[in-house]
Amino acid sequence: MKFLLTLILIFVLVPPLLRLALRLFISKQVSKAQRQVFEQQREAQRRTGRVNVDQVPPRKDSFRGGEYVDYEEVKD
């Protein structure tokens, strides 16, 4: 009898408690993700218009044009 009472209590109480815990966990994760996206958007808006150049590539002024390639026209 004691075993049956314990089994019934487990089947009656555990699923609602699991649902509640899962709902709380998911809502925390969603709010955390929303906060991160908001922070990223705010940071991107702050940086709008600024240009940061880490390294300027060296200029190659020695280029004098391309190589001339003679071609023949092919008729079908």
Protein backbone atom coordinates (compact mmCIF):
# COMPACT_ATOMS: atom_id res chain seq x y z
CA MET A 1 0.00 0.00 0.00
CA LYS A 2 2.79 2.40 0.87
CA PHE A 3 4.47 1.65 -2.48
CA LEU A 4 1.31 2.47 -4.43
CA LEU A 5 0.83 5.75 -2.56
CA THR A 6 4.45 6.76 -3.31
CA LEU A 7 4.08 5.82 -6.96
CA ILE A 8 0.86 7.83 -7.32
CA LEU A 9 2.43 10.87 -5.64
CA ILE A 10 5.41 10.67 -7.99
CA PHE A 11 3.19 10.51 -11.08
CA VAL A 12 0.98 13.35 -9.82
CA LEU A 13 3.59 15.78 -8.48
CA VAL A 14 6.69 15.33 -10.65
CA PRO A 15 5.35 16.27 -14.12
CA PRO A 16 3.92 19.66 -13.08
CA LEU A 17 7.10 20.49 -11.16
CA LEU A 18 9.23 19.55 -14.18
CA ARG A 19 7.06 21.67 -16.44
CA LEU A 20 7.41 24.63 -14.10
CA ALA A 21 11.19 24.22 -13.85
CA LEU A 22 11.52 23.91 -17.62
CA ARG A 23 9.34 26.97 -18.20
CA LEU A 24 11.48 29.03 -15.80
CA PHE A 25 14.71 27.82 -17.38
CA ILE A 26 13.53 28.64 -20.92
CA SER A 27 12.27 32.09 -19.94
CA LYS A 28 15.64 32.89 -18.32
CA GLN A 29 17.52 31.77 -21.42
CA VAL A 30 15.26 33.80 -23.73
CA SER A 31 15.63 36.96 -21.67
CA LYS A 32 19.40 36.47 -21.55
CA ALA A 33 19.56 36.10 -25.35
CA GLN A 34 17.38 39.17 -25.85
CA ARG A 35 19.62 41.18 -23.55
CA GLN A 36 22.72 40.10 -25.49
CA VAL A 37 21.15 41.06 -28.83
CA PHE A 38 20.11 44.43 -27.42
CA GLU A 39 23.65 45.08 -26.15
CA GLN A 40 25.14 44.14 -29.54
CA GLN A 41 22.75 46.44 -31.41
CA ARG A 42 23.45 49.30 -29.03
CA GLU A 43 27.22 48.79 -29.44
CA ALA A 44 26.86 48.70 -33.23
CA GLN A 45 24.88 51.95 -33.19
CA ARG A 46 27.56 53.60 -31.08
CA ARG A 47 30.26 52.61 -33.55
CA THR A 48 28.38 53.88 -36.62
CA GLY A 49 30.50 56.38 -38.54
CA ARG A 50 33.82 55.43 -37.00
CA VAL A 51 36.52 53.80 -39.08
CA ASN A 52 39.39 51.95 -37.47
CA VAL A 53 42.36 51.12 -39.70
CA ASP A 54 44.76 48.62 -38.19
CA GLN A 55 47.30 48.55 -41.00
CA VAL A 56 47.64 50.49 -44.23
CA PRO A 57 48.84 48.26 -47.09
CA PRO A 58 51.97 49.46 -48.91
CA ARG A 59 51.43 51.13 -52.29
CA LYS A 60 52.79 49.56 -55.44
CA ASP A 61 53.42 52.44 -57.86
CA SER A 62 55.60 50.31 -60.15
CA PHE A 63 52.59 48.99 -62.16
CA ARG A 64 52.88 50.33 -65.73
CA GLY A 65 49.95 48.56 -67.32
CA GLY A 66 49.18 45.05 -68.43
CA GLU A 67 50.84 42.78 -70.93
CA TYR A 68 49.62 42.95 -74.54
CA VAL A 69 48.32 39.63 -75.85
CA ASP A 70 47.87 39.20 -79.59
CA TYR A 71 44.75 37.24 -80.53
CA GLU A 72 43.18 35.74 -83.62
CA GLU A 73 39.50 35.86 -84.31
CA VAL A 74 37.89 32.42 -84.65
CA LYS A 75 34.98 32.04 -87.10
CA ASP A 76 32.50 29.20 -86.80
